[in-house]
Amino acid sequence: MILALGEDGADVTIDSTEAASWAMIEDWPTDDGEALDRALLVCAAVVERKGKKTDDDARKAFIAAAIEAGIAVKA
């Protein structure tokens, strides 16, 4: 998936759940939000292989967090 998250709104490619986690931690335009908190938890569970969360769960949560933050998402 591609997000308008880079410098000057440049596109950034997110190609893994781990990359999504780092984008939310390092590059996110907001520091808090319900969808962001949920996405961070879901992504961590997937990366750590804890629970029954899947990559698809992480993707959906990440997209919800991006929408919450007003970030343009291209699939």
Protein backbone atom coordinates (compact mmCIF):
# COMPACT_ATOMS: atom_id res chain seq x y z
CA MET A 1 0.00 0.00 0.00
CA ILE A 2 1.16 3.53 -0.65
CA LEU A 3 0.66 6.49 1.68
CA ALA A 4 1.24 10.20 1.19
CA LEU A 5 3.45 10.28 4.27
CA GLY A 6 6.90 11.28 3.08
CA GLU A 7 8.51 14.69 3.08
CA ASP A 8 6.35 17.24 1.26
CA GLY A 9 3.57 14.66 0.94
CA ALA A 10 5.71 12.25 -1.09
CA ASP A 11 4.41 8.70 -1.42
CA VAL A 12 5.81 6.06 0.93
CA THR A 13 5.37 2.36 0.22
CA ILE A 14 4.36 0.16 3.17
CA ASP A 15 5.09 -3.45 2.26
CA SER A 16 4.88 -5.30 5.58
CA THR A 17 3.18 -5.23 8.94
CA GLU A 18 6.49 -4.29 10.54
CA ALA A 19 6.88 -1.35 8.12
CA ALA A 20 3.36 -0.23 9.02
CA SER A 21 4.25 -0.29 12.71
CA TRP A 22 7.37 1.80 12.16
CA ALA A 23 5.48 4.29 9.99
CA MET A 24 2.93 4.81 12.77
CA ILE A 25 5.67 5.18 15.38
CA GLU A 26 8.12 7.35 13.45
CA ASP A 27 6.27 9.22 10.71
CA TRP A 28 2.64 9.56 11.79
CA PRO A 29 1.25 13.12 11.79
CA THR A 30 -0.66 12.54 15.04
CA ASP A 31 0.42 11.12 18.38
CA ASP A 32 -2.88 9.70 19.50
CA GLY A 33 -6.22 8.42 18.34
CA GLU A 34 -8.39 5.38 18.92
CA ALA A 35 -7.70 3.87 15.51
CA LEU A 36 -3.96 4.54 15.85
CA ASP A 37 -3.83 2.85 19.26
CA ARG A 38 -5.74 -0.16 17.94
CA ALA A 39 -3.57 -0.42 14.82
CA LEU A 40 -0.38 -0.35 16.88
CA LEU A 41 -1.70 -3.16 19.10
CA VAL A 42 -2.88 -5.28 16.17
CA CYS A 43 0.37 -4.81 14.25
CA ALA A 44 2.43 -5.69 17.32
CA ALA A 45 0.39 -8.87 17.84
CA VAL A 46 0.93 -9.90 14.21
CA VAL A 47 4.67 -9.13 14.23
CA GLU A 48 5.15 -10.98 17.52
CA ARG A 49 2.87 -13.83 16.37
CA LYS A 50 0.73 -13.45 19.50
CA GLY A 51 -2.95 -14.22 19.38
CA LYS A 52 -5.04 -14.83 16.32
CA LYS A 53 -4.52 -11.54 14.51
CA THR A 54 -3.59 -11.80 10.84
CA ASP A 55 -1.80 -9.61 8.33
CA ASP A 56 -5.24 -8.72 6.95
CA ASP A 57 -6.36 -7.58 10.42
CA ALA A 58 -3.26 -5.41 10.64
CA ARG A 59 -3.87 -3.97 7.16
CA LYS A 60 -7.46 -3.04 8.01
CA ALA A 61 -6.44 -1.46 11.32
CA PHE A 62 -3.61 0.44 9.62
CA ILE A 63 -5.95 1.83 6.95
CA ALA A 64 -8.42 2.91 9.65
CA ALA A 65 -5.60 4.72 11.47
CA ALA A 66 -4.52 6.43 8.25
CA ILE A 67 -8.08 7.59 7.58
CA GLU A 68 -8.34 8.85 11.16
CA ALA A 69 -5.12 10.86 10.63
CA GLY A 70 -6.26 12.25 7.27
CA ILE A 71 -3.56 10.40 5.31
CA ALA A 72 -4.28 9.54 1.69
CA VAL A 73 -4.04 5.77 1.08
CA LYS A 74 -3.55 4.09 -2.29
CA ALA A 75 -4.02 0.33 -2.40
